[in-house]
Amino acid sequence: MARDRNRLRDFQEGLAKRLRLAAELPQRQSRLAIRAGDRGYLLNLDDISEVAPLAVMASAPLTQPWFLGVTNVRGTLYAVSDFALWLGLHVASDLNAKRLILLGQRLGKVRAGLVVTKVVGLRLLDEMKAHDAPLMRAWESASWLDRDGVGWIEVDLEKLATDAEFLQVVR
């Protein structure tokens, strides 16, 4: 019994030490890398509530072609737009690779979803280098190059969610 208590104490002390060391390390900023058509974008994970397969959507008449409609996710209605179509990118893609990105609660009362061509995965900003490519839209916050020389545009989802063009879904 005393041996088990010693092991438990050693485990707890080791865990506490690792947690202290982890807290002292600089925070590594990660972003969700997605594709919209053939372009790469980075989304702040703090602004995303969920990444899900495409859901059934109720279409809305007299709306822009990129506005896909409204979907119900666990009792909350989300207005859903196809990000690539909204950007004017008409690239055919695998329907099974498309994902629905739901914007998070941090963005206030905005209940929006973006359908993206593909979710690539997480990218660490400290493993990329800043790129001086011109930013074309107000919601583009930074440009990055990864180790392979692939360019990524960081998206400010709060600015995107309040962009007048993005909100103008009626034809």
N, C-alpha and C. Protein backbone atom coordinates (compact mmCIF):
# COMPACT_ATOMS: atom_id res chain seq x y z
N MET A 1 0.82 -1.19 0.00
CA MET A 1 0.00 0.00 0.00
C MET A 1 0.86 1.26 0.00
N ALA A 2 1.92 1.28 0.85
CA ALA A 2 2.82 2.43 0.89
C ALA A 2 3.54 2.60 -0.44
N ARG A 3 3.82 1.48 -1.09
CA ARG A 3 4.50 1.53 -2.40
C ARG A 3 3.61 2.19 -3.44
N ASP A 4 2.30 1.88 -3.41
CA ASP A 4 1.36 2.50 -4.34
C ASP A 4 1.24 4.00 -4.09
N ARG A 5 1.23 4.40 -2.81
CA ARG A 5 1.16 5.84 -2.50
C ARG A 5 2.40 6.57 -2.99
N ASN A 6 3.57 5.92 -2.85
CA ASN A 6 4.81 6.53 -3.34
C ASN A 6 4.78 6.70 -4.85
N ARG A 7 4.27 5.69 -5.54
CA ARG A 7 4.18 5.79 -7.01
C ARG A 7 3.21 6.89 -7.41
N LEU A 8 2.09 6.97 -6.71
CA LEU A 8 1.11 8.01 -7.01
C LEU A 8 1.71 9.39 -6.75
N ARG A 9 2.41 9.54 -5.63
CA ARG A 9 3.04 10.83 -5.31
C ARG A 9 4.09 11.18 -6.36
N ASP A 10 4.92 10.22 -6.75
CA ASP A 10 5.94 10.45 -7.79
C ASP A 10 5.28 10.87 -9.10
N PHE A 11 4.19 10.20 -9.44
CA PHE A 11 3.47 10.54 -10.67
C PHE A 11 2.95 11.98 -10.59
N GLN A 12 2.31 12.33 -9.47
CA GLN A 12 1.75 13.67 -9.31
C GLN A 12 2.84 14.74 -9.33
N GLU A 13 3.96 14.47 -8.69
CA GLU A 13 5.06 15.43 -8.68
C GLU A 13 5.63 15.60 -10.08
N GLY A 14 5.79 14.49 -10.80
CA GLY A 14 6.29 14.56 -12.17
C GLY A 14 5.34 15.32 -13.08
N LEU A 15 4.04 15.07 -12.91
CA LEU A 15 3.03 15.77 -13.70
C LEU A 15 3.05 17.26 -13.41
N ALA A 16 3.13 17.62 -12.14
CA ALA A 16 3.18 19.03 -11.76
C ALA A 16 4.41 19.71 -12.36
N LYS A 17 5.52 19.02 -12.35
CA LYS A 17 6.76 19.58 -12.92
C LYS A 17 6.61 19.80 -14.43
N ARG A 18 6.04 18.82 -15.13
CA ARG A 18 5.84 18.96 -16.58
C ARG A 18 4.88 20.10 -16.90
N LEU A 19 3.83 20.25 -16.10
CA LEU A 19 2.88 21.35 -16.32
C LEU A 19 3.54 22.70 -16.11
N ARG A 20 4.39 22.82 -15.08
CA ARG A 20 5.11 24.08 -14.85
C ARG A 20 6.03 24.40 -16.03
N LEU A 21 6.74 23.38 -16.51
CA LEU A 21 7.64 23.59 -17.65
C LEU A 21 6.87 23.98 -18.90
N ALA A 22 5.74 23.33 -19.12
CA ALA A 22 4.92 23.65 -20.30
C ALA A 22 4.39 25.08 -20.22
N ALA A 23 4.02 25.53 -19.02
CA ALA A 23 3.51 26.89 -18.86
C ALA A 23 4.58 27.93 -19.13
N GLU A 24 5.84 27.58 -18.93
CA GLU A 24 6.94 28.51 -19.15
C GLU A 24 7.35 28.61 -20.61
N LEU A 25 6.97 27.62 -21.41
CA LEU A 25 7.33 27.65 -22.83
C LEU A 25 6.50 28.70 -23.56
N PRO A 26 7.07 29.29 -24.59
CA PRO A 26 6.27 30.24 -25.37
C PRO A 26 5.12 29.49 -26.07
N GLN A 27 3.99 30.17 -26.14
CA GLN A 27 2.83 29.57 -26.78
C GLN A 27 3.04 29.45 -28.29
N ARG A 28 2.75 28.29 -28.82
CA ARG A 28 2.86 28.08 -30.27
C ARG A 28 1.49 28.32 -30.87
N GLN A 29 1.43 29.24 -31.80
CA GLN A 29 0.15 29.58 -32.41
C GLN A 29 -0.11 28.65 -33.59
N SER A 30 -1.24 27.98 -33.54
CA SER A 30 -1.61 27.10 -34.65
C SER A 30 -2.85 27.66 -35.33
N ARG A 31 -2.97 27.32 -36.58
CA ARG A 31 -4.11 27.72 -37.40
C ARG A 31 -4.63 26.50 -38.15
N LEU A 32 -5.92 26.53 -38.46
CA LEU A 32 -6.51 25.48 -39.27
C LEU A 32 -6.29 25.85 -40.73
N ALA A 33 -5.58 25.00 -41.45
CA ALA A 33 -5.32 25.23 -42.87
C ALA A 33 -6.45 24.61 -43.68
N ILE A 34 -7.02 25.42 -44.57
CA ILE A 34 -8.11 24.94 -45.42
C ILE A 34 -7.82 25.35 -46.87
N ARG A 35 -8.51 24.73 -47.78
CA ARG A 35 -8.45 25.10 -49.19
C ARG A 35 -9.82 25.60 -49.61
N ALA A 36 -9.83 26.70 -50.32
CA ALA A 36 -11.01 27.21 -51.01
C ALA A 36 -10.62 27.23 -52.47
N GLY A 37 -11.16 26.28 -53.22
CA GLY A 37 -10.67 26.10 -54.58
C GLY A 37 -9.23 25.65 -54.51
N ASP A 38 -8.35 26.36 -55.20
CA ASP A 38 -6.93 25.98 -55.18
C ASP A 38 -6.11 26.90 -54.27
N ARG A 39 -6.77 27.75 -53.49
CA ARG A 39 -6.07 28.69 -52.61
C ARG A 39 -6.05 28.18 -51.17
N GLY A 40 -4.96 28.49 -50.49
CA GLY A 40 -4.81 28.08 -49.10
C GLY A 40 -5.10 29.22 -48.14
N TYR A 41 -5.86 28.92 -47.11
CA TYR A 41 -6.21 29.90 -46.09
C TYR A 41 -5.96 29.31 -44.71
N LEU A 42 -5.67 30.20 -43.76
CA LEU A 42 -5.46 29.82 -42.37
C LEU A 42 -6.52 30.48 -41.51
N LEU A 43 -7.17 29.67 -40.65
CA LEU A 43 -8.24 30.16 -39.78
C LEU A 43 -7.83 30.00 -38.33
N ASN A 44 -8.10 31.02 -37.54
CA ASN A 44 -7.80 30.98 -36.11
C ASN A 44 -8.78 30.01 -35.45
N LEU A 45 -8.25 29.05 -34.73
CA LEU A 45 -9.07 28.04 -34.08
C LEU A 45 -10.01 28.64 -33.02
N ASP A 46 -9.64 29.77 -32.45
CA ASP A 46 -10.49 30.42 -31.45
C ASP A 46 -11.80 30.92 -32.06
N ASP A 47 -11.83 31.11 -33.37
CA ASP A 47 -13.01 31.63 -34.05
C ASP A 47 -13.89 30.54 -34.65
N ILE A 48 -13.53 29.29 -34.43
CA ILE A 48 -14.26 28.16 -35.01
C ILE A 48 -14.90 27.36 -33.89
N SER A 49 -16.19 27.07 -34.04
CA SER A 49 -16.83 26.24 -33.03
C SER A 49 -16.81 24.77 -33.43
N GLU A 50 -16.78 24.51 -34.74
CA GLU A 50 -16.84 23.11 -35.17
C GLU A 50 -16.45 22.98 -36.63
N VAL A 51 -15.88 21.83 -36.96
CA VAL A 51 -15.63 21.42 -38.34
C VAL A 51 -16.41 20.14 -38.53
N ALA A 52 -17.30 20.12 -39.53
CA ALA A 52 -18.20 18.98 -39.68
C ALA A 52 -18.35 18.61 -41.16
N PRO A 53 -18.81 17.39 -41.41
CA PRO A 53 -19.17 17.04 -42.79
C PRO A 53 -20.34 17.93 -43.23
N LEU A 54 -20.57 17.99 -44.53
CA LEU A 54 -21.68 18.80 -45.02
C LEU A 54 -22.99 18.30 -44.44
N ALA A 55 -23.85 19.24 -44.09
CA ALA A 55 -25.14 18.92 -43.50
C ALA A 55 -26.25 19.22 -44.52
N VAL A 56 -27.43 18.75 -44.22
CA VAL A 56 -28.59 19.06 -45.06
C VAL A 56 -28.91 20.53 -44.86
N MET A 57 -29.15 21.22 -45.98
CA MET A 57 -29.42 22.65 -45.92
C MET A 57 -30.76 22.97 -46.58
N ALA A 58 -31.46 23.89 -45.98
CA ALA A 58 -32.69 24.40 -46.58
C ALA A 58 -32.29 25.58 -47.44
N SER A 59 -32.57 25.48 -48.74
CA SER A 59 -32.18 26.56 -49.63
C SER A 59 -33.08 27.77 -49.42
N ALA A 60 -32.57 28.91 -49.82
CA ALA A 60 -33.31 30.17 -49.70
C ALA A 60 -33.47 30.75 -51.10
N PRO A 61 -34.70 31.07 -51.51
CA PRO A 61 -34.90 31.62 -52.85
C PRO A 61 -34.33 33.03 -52.98
N LEU A 62 -34.00 33.40 -54.20
CA LEU A 62 -33.55 34.74 -54.55
C LEU A 62 -32.27 35.16 -53.81
N THR A 63 -31.38 34.20 -53.61
CA THR A 63 -30.11 34.50 -52.97
C THR A 63 -28.97 34.28 -53.95
N GLN A 64 -27.80 34.74 -53.58
CA GLN A 64 -26.61 34.57 -54.40
C GLN A 64 -26.31 33.08 -54.60
N PRO A 65 -25.69 32.71 -55.72
CA PRO A 65 -25.37 31.29 -55.95
C PRO A 65 -24.43 30.70 -54.90
N TRP A 66 -23.60 31.53 -54.29
CA TRP A 66 -22.67 31.03 -53.28
C TRP A 66 -23.30 30.84 -51.91
N PHE A 67 -24.50 31.39 -51.72
CA PHE A 67 -25.21 31.20 -50.46
C PHE A 67 -25.99 29.89 -50.56
N LEU A 68 -25.58 28.90 -49.78
CA LEU A 68 -26.15 27.56 -49.90
C LEU A 68 -27.45 27.37 -49.13
N GLY A 69 -27.71 28.22 -48.16
CA GLY A 69 -28.94 28.11 -47.40
C GLY A 69 -28.69 28.12 -45.91
N VAL A 70 -29.61 27.49 -45.20
CA VAL A 70 -29.58 27.47 -43.74
C VAL A 70 -29.55 26.01 -43.29
N THR A 71 -28.76 25.74 -42.26
CA THR A 71 -28.72 24.40 -41.69
C THR A 71 -28.91 24.48 -40.18
N ASN A 72 -29.45 23.41 -39.63
CA ASN A 72 -29.68 23.32 -38.20
C ASN A 72 -28.63 22.39 -37.60
N VAL A 73 -27.81 22.92 -36.69
CA VAL A 73 -26.81 22.12 -36.00
C VAL A 73 -27.12 22.18 -34.52
N ARG A 74 -27.62 21.08 -33.98
CA ARG A 74 -27.98 20.95 -32.58
C ARG A 74 -28.87 22.10 -32.10
N GLY A 75 -29.88 22.41 -32.89
CA GLY A 75 -30.85 23.42 -32.50
C GLY A 75 -30.50 24.85 -32.82
N THR A 76 -29.35 25.09 -33.42
CA THR A 76 -28.95 26.44 -33.81
C THR A 76 -28.91 26.53 -35.32
N LEU A 77 -29.54 27.57 -35.86
CA LEU A 77 -29.55 27.77 -37.31
C LEU A 77 -28.31 28.55 -37.74
N TYR A 78 -27.68 28.08 -38.82
CA TYR A 78 -26.49 28.72 -39.38
C TYR A 78 -26.74 29.06 -40.84
N ALA A 79 -26.39 30.28 -41.24
CA ALA A 79 -26.42 30.68 -42.65
C ALA A 79 -25.11 30.18 -43.27
N VAL A 80 -25.22 29.39 -44.36
CA VAL A 80 -24.05 28.71 -44.90
C VAL A 80 -23.71 29.24 -46.30
N SER A 81 -22.43 29.57 -46.48
CA SER A 81 -21.93 30.06 -47.77
C SER A 81 -20.80 29.16 -48.25
N ASP A 82 -20.72 29.00 -49.56
CA ASP A 82 -19.60 28.27 -50.16
C ASP A 82 -18.46 29.28 -50.32
N PHE A 83 -17.40 29.11 -49.56
CA PHE A 83 -16.30 30.07 -49.52
C PHE A 83 -15.64 30.22 -50.89
N ALA A 84 -15.39 29.12 -51.58
CA ALA A 84 -14.73 29.17 -52.89
C ALA A 84 -15.61 29.89 -53.91
N LEU A 85 -16.90 29.59 -53.93
CA LEU A 85 -17.80 30.28 -54.87
C LEU A 85 -17.89 31.76 -54.56
N TRP A 86 -17.95 32.10 -53.27
CA TRP A 86 -18.00 33.51 -52.89
C TRP A 86 -16.76 34.25 -53.38
N LEU A 87 -15.62 33.58 -53.34
CA LEU A 87 -14.38 34.19 -53.82
C LEU A 87 -14.28 34.20 -55.34
N GLY A 88 -15.25 33.59 -56.01
CA GLY A 88 -15.23 33.54 -57.47
C GLY A 88 -14.38 32.41 -58.02
N LEU A 89 -14.08 31.43 -57.20
CA LEU A 89 -13.28 30.29 -57.62
C LEU A 89 -14.22 29.13 -57.98
N HIS A 90 -14.28 28.81 -59.22
CA HIS A 90 -15.18 27.75 -59.68
C HIS A 90 -14.37 26.50 -59.98
N VAL A 91 -13.83 25.92 -58.94
CA VAL A 91 -12.98 24.74 -59.08
C VAL A 91 -13.78 23.51 -58.66
N ALA A 92 -13.83 22.52 -59.54
CA ALA A 92 -14.50 21.26 -59.19
C ALA A 92 -13.72 20.59 -58.08
N SER A 93 -14.44 20.01 -57.14
CA SER A 93 -13.76 19.33 -56.04
C SER A 93 -14.54 18.10 -55.62
N ASP A 94 -13.88 17.27 -54.86
CA ASP A 94 -14.48 16.07 -54.33
C ASP A 94 -15.49 16.45 -53.25
N LEU A 95 -16.75 16.10 -53.46
CA LEU A 95 -17.80 16.44 -52.51
C LEU A 95 -17.52 15.86 -51.13
N ASN A 96 -16.89 14.68 -51.09
CA ASN A 96 -16.57 14.05 -49.80
C ASN A 96 -15.48 14.80 -49.04
N ALA A 97 -14.66 15.58 -49.73
CA ALA A 97 -13.59 16.33 -49.07
C ALA A 97 -14.09 17.66 -48.50
N LYS A 98 -15.22 18.15 -48.98
CA LYS A 98 -15.74 19.43 -48.49
C LYS A 98 -16.15 19.31 -47.03
N ARG A 99 -15.95 20.40 -46.31
CA ARG A 99 -16.30 20.45 -44.89
C ARG A 99 -17.02 21.75 -44.58
N LEU A 100 -17.82 21.69 -43.53
CA LEU A 100 -18.55 22.85 -43.03
C LEU A 100 -17.82 23.38 -41.80
N ILE A 101 -17.37 24.62 -41.88
CA ILE A 101 -16.70 25.29 -40.76
C ILE A 101 -17.73 26.21 -40.13
N LEU A 102 -18.05 25.96 -38.86
CA LEU A 102 -19.00 26.81 -38.14
C LEU A 102 -18.25 27.86 -37.35
N LEU A 103 -18.62 29.11 -37.56
CA LEU A 103 -17.97 30.19 -36.84
C LEU A 103 -18.37 30.13 -35.38
N GLY A 104 -17.44 30.45 -34.49
CA GLY A 104 -17.62 30.27 -33.06
C GLY A 104 -18.33 31.39 -32.35
N GLN A 105 -18.64 31.10 -31.09
CA GLN A 105 -19.36 32.04 -30.23
C GLN A 105 -18.59 33.32 -29.98
N ARG A 106 -17.26 33.28 -30.08
CA ARG A 106 -16.43 34.46 -29.83
C ARG A 106 -16.77 35.60 -30.78
N LEU A 107 -17.37 35.26 -31.92
CA LEU A 107 -17.70 36.28 -32.92
C LEU A 107 -19.05 36.93 -32.67
N GLY A 108 -19.61 36.71 -31.50
CA GLY A 108 -20.88 37.35 -31.16
C GLY A 108 -22.07 36.58 -31.67
N LYS A 109 -23.05 37.31 -32.15
CA LYS A 109 -24.30 36.68 -32.56
C LYS A 109 -24.29 36.15 -33.99
N VAL A 110 -23.15 36.23 -34.64
CA VAL A 110 -23.04 35.74 -36.01
C VAL A 110 -23.16 34.22 -35.99
N ARG A 111 -24.10 33.71 -36.73
CA ARG A 111 -24.29 32.26 -36.85
C ARG A 111 -24.09 31.92 -38.32
N ALA A 112 -22.84 31.74 -38.68
CA ALA A 112 -22.50 31.50 -40.09
C ALA A 112 -21.65 30.25 -40.22
N GLY A 113 -21.75 29.63 -41.37
CA GLY A 113 -20.92 28.49 -41.69
C GLY A 113 -20.30 28.68 -43.06
N LEU A 114 -19.09 28.18 -43.21
CA LEU A 114 -18.39 28.24 -44.49
C LEU A 114 -18.16 26.82 -44.99
N VAL A 115 -18.55 26.57 -46.21
CA VAL A 115 -18.19 25.30 -46.83
C VAL A 115 -16.86 25.53 -47.52
N VAL A 116 -15.89 24.70 -47.16
CA VAL A 116 -14.55 24.81 -47.74
C VAL A 116 -14.28 23.59 -48.60
N THR A 117 -13.42 23.75 -49.57
CA THR A 117 -13.09 22.68 -50.49
C THR A 117 -12.45 21.50 -49.78
N LYS A 118 -11.56 21.82 -48.82
CA LYS A 118 -10.85 20.76 -48.11
C LYS A 118 -10.24 21.32 -46.84
N VAL A 119 -10.27 20.53 -45.78
CA VAL A 119 -9.53 20.87 -44.56
C VAL A 119 -8.19 20.15 -44.66
N VAL A 120 -7.11 20.93 -44.64
CA VAL A 120 -5.76 20.38 -44.80
C VAL A 120 -5.22 19.89 -43.47
N GLY A 121 -5.43 20.65 -42.39
CA GLY A 121 -4.94 20.27 -41.07
C GLY A 121 -4.39 21.47 -40.33
N LEU A 122 -3.70 21.22 -39.24
CA LEU A 122 -3.14 22.31 -38.44
C LEU A 122 -1.79 22.74 -38.97
N ARG A 123 -1.51 24.03 -38.89
CA ARG A 123 -0.22 24.59 -39.26
C ARG A 123 0.24 25.48 -38.11
N LEU A 124 1.50 25.37 -37.76
CA LEU A 124 2.09 26.21 -36.72
C LEU A 124 2.70 27.44 -37.38
N LEU A 125 2.33 28.62 -36.89
CA LEU A 125 2.84 29.85 -37.48
C LEU A 125 4.34 30.00 -37.28
N ASP A 126 4.88 29.47 -36.18
CA ASP A 126 6.32 29.61 -35.97
C ASP A 126 7.14 28.69 -36.87
N GLU A 127 6.47 27.82 -37.63
CA GLU A 127 7.16 26.99 -38.62
C GLU A 127 7.00 27.57 -40.03
N MET A 128 6.38 28.74 -40.11
CA MET A 128 6.18 29.42 -41.39
C MET A 128 6.92 30.75 -41.33
N LYS A 129 7.07 31.37 -42.49
CA LYS A 129 7.66 32.71 -42.46
C LYS A 129 6.70 33.68 -43.13
N ALA A 130 6.70 34.89 -42.56
CA ALA A 130 5.83 35.94 -43.10
C ALA A 130 6.22 36.21 -44.55
N HIS A 131 5.22 36.46 -45.35
CA HIS A 131 5.40 36.69 -46.77
C HIS A 131 4.82 38.06 -47.09
N ASP A 132 5.46 38.80 -47.96
CA ASP A 132 5.00 40.16 -48.24
C ASP A 132 4.03 40.24 -49.42
N ALA A 133 3.31 39.16 -49.68
CA ALA A 133 2.32 39.18 -50.75
C ALA A 133 1.24 40.20 -50.39
N PRO A 134 0.74 40.92 -51.39
CA PRO A 134 -0.29 41.94 -51.10
C PRO A 134 -1.58 41.28 -50.62
N LEU A 135 -2.17 41.86 -49.61
CA LEU A 135 -3.46 41.40 -49.10
C LEU A 135 -4.54 42.16 -49.85
N MET A 136 -5.47 41.42 -50.44
CA MET A 136 -6.43 42.02 -51.35
C MET A 136 -7.75 42.43 -50.68
N ARG A 137 -8.08 41.81 -49.56
CA ARG A 137 -9.37 42.07 -48.92
C ARG A 137 -9.16 42.47 -47.46
N ALA A 138 -10.13 43.20 -46.92
CA ALA A 138 -10.01 43.71 -45.55
C ALA A 138 -9.92 42.59 -44.52
N TRP A 139 -10.47 41.43 -44.81
CA TRP A 139 -10.46 40.32 -43.85
C TRP A 139 -9.21 39.44 -43.98
N GLU A 140 -8.34 39.73 -44.90
CA GLU A 140 -7.06 39.02 -45.00
C GLU A 140 -6.08 39.72 -44.06
N SER A 141 -5.58 38.99 -43.06
CA SER A 141 -4.76 39.65 -42.04
C SER A 141 -3.26 39.44 -42.21
N ALA A 142 -2.84 38.37 -42.88
CA ALA A 142 -1.41 38.13 -43.06
C ALA A 142 -1.20 37.11 -44.17
N SER A 143 0.00 37.12 -44.70
CA SER A 143 0.38 36.16 -45.73
C SER A 143 1.59 35.37 -45.23
N TRP A 144 1.58 34.06 -45.44
CA TRP A 144 2.62 33.18 -44.92
C TRP A 144 3.11 32.23 -46.00
N LEU A 145 4.34 31.78 -45.84
CA LEU A 145 4.90 30.71 -46.67
C LEU A 145 5.29 29.56 -45.76
N ASP A 146 4.88 28.33 -46.13
CA ASP A 146 5.28 27.19 -45.31
C ASP A 146 6.64 26.68 -45.78
N ARG A 147 7.11 25.62 -45.17
CA ARG A 147 8.45 25.08 -45.47
C ARG A 147 8.60 24.66 -46.93
N ASP A 148 7.49 24.30 -47.55
CA ASP A 148 7.53 23.87 -48.95
C ASP A 148 7.36 25.02 -49.94
N GLY A 149 7.27 26.25 -49.41
CA GLY A 149 7.10 27.41 -50.27
C GLY A 149 5.66 27.65 -50.69
N VAL A 150 4.72 26.96 -50.06
CA VAL A 150 3.30 27.13 -50.38
C VAL A 150 2.77 28.34 -49.63
N GLY A 151 2.05 29.19 -50.34
CA GLY A 151 1.51 30.40 -49.74
C GLY A 151 0.17 30.17 -49.06
N TRP A 152 -0.01 30.85 -47.93
CA TRP A 152 -1.25 30.77 -47.16
C TRP A 152 -1.66 32.18 -46.78
N ILE A 153 -2.95 32.46 -46.82
CA ILE A 153 -3.49 33.74 -46.39
C ILE A 153 -4.25 33.52 -45.09
N GLU A 154 -3.89 34.30 -44.07
CA GLU A 154 -4.59 34.19 -42.79
C GLU A 154 -5.87 35.03 -42.85
N VAL A 155 -6.96 34.43 -42.42
CA VAL A 155 -8.28 35.07 -42.48
C VAL A 155 -8.68 35.55 -41.09
N ASP A 156 -9.10 36.80 -41.01
CA ASP A 156 -9.70 37.34 -39.79
C ASP A 156 -11.20 37.06 -39.91
N LEU A 157 -11.67 35.99 -39.26
CA LEU A 157 -13.07 35.57 -39.41
C LEU A 157 -14.04 36.60 -38.86
N GLU A 158 -13.62 37.38 -37.88
CA GLU A 158 -14.50 38.43 -37.36
C GLU A 158 -14.75 39.49 -38.43
N LYS A 159 -13.70 39.89 -39.14
CA LYS A 159 -13.87 40.86 -40.23
C LYS A 159 -14.65 40.25 -41.39
N LEU A 160 -14.41 38.98 -41.69
CA LEU A 160 -15.15 38.31 -42.77
C LEU A 160 -16.64 38.28 -42.44
N ALA A 161 -16.97 37.95 -41.19
CA ALA A 161 -18.37 37.82 -40.78
C ALA A 161 -19.12 39.15 -40.80
N THR A 162 -18.40 40.27 -40.85
CA THR A 162 -19.04 41.58 -40.91
C THR A 162 -18.81 42.27 -42.25
N ASP A 163 -18.19 41.58 -43.19
CA ASP A 163 -17.93 42.13 -44.52
C ASP A 163 -19.26 42.33 -45.25
N ALA A 164 -19.49 43.54 -45.76
CA ALA A 164 -20.76 43.88 -46.41
C ALA A 164 -21.04 42.96 -47.60
N GLU A 165 -20.03 42.65 -48.38
CA GLU A 165 -20.22 41.76 -49.54
C GLU A 165 -20.60 40.36 -49.09
N PHE A 166 -19.97 39.87 -48.04
CA PHE A 166 -20.27 38.54 -47.51
C PHE A 166 -21.69 38.46 -46.95
N LEU A 167 -22.15 39.55 -46.36
CA LEU A 167 -23.48 39.58 -45.77
C LEU A 167 -24.58 39.79 -46.79
N GLN A 168 -24.23 40.23 -47.99
CA GLN A 168 -25.22 40.54 -49.02
C GLN A 168 -25.60 39.25 -49.78
N VAL A 169 -26.44 38.44 -49.17
CA VAL A 169 -26.80 37.15 -49.77
C VAL A 169 -27.98 37.26 -50.73
N VAL A 170 -28.75 38.34 -50.62
CA VAL A 170 -29.91 38.54 -51.50
C VAL A 170 -29.43 39.04 -52.85
N ARG A 171 -30.04 38.53 -53.91
CA ARG A 171 -29.68 38.98 -55.26
C ARG A 171 -30.19 40.36 -55.54
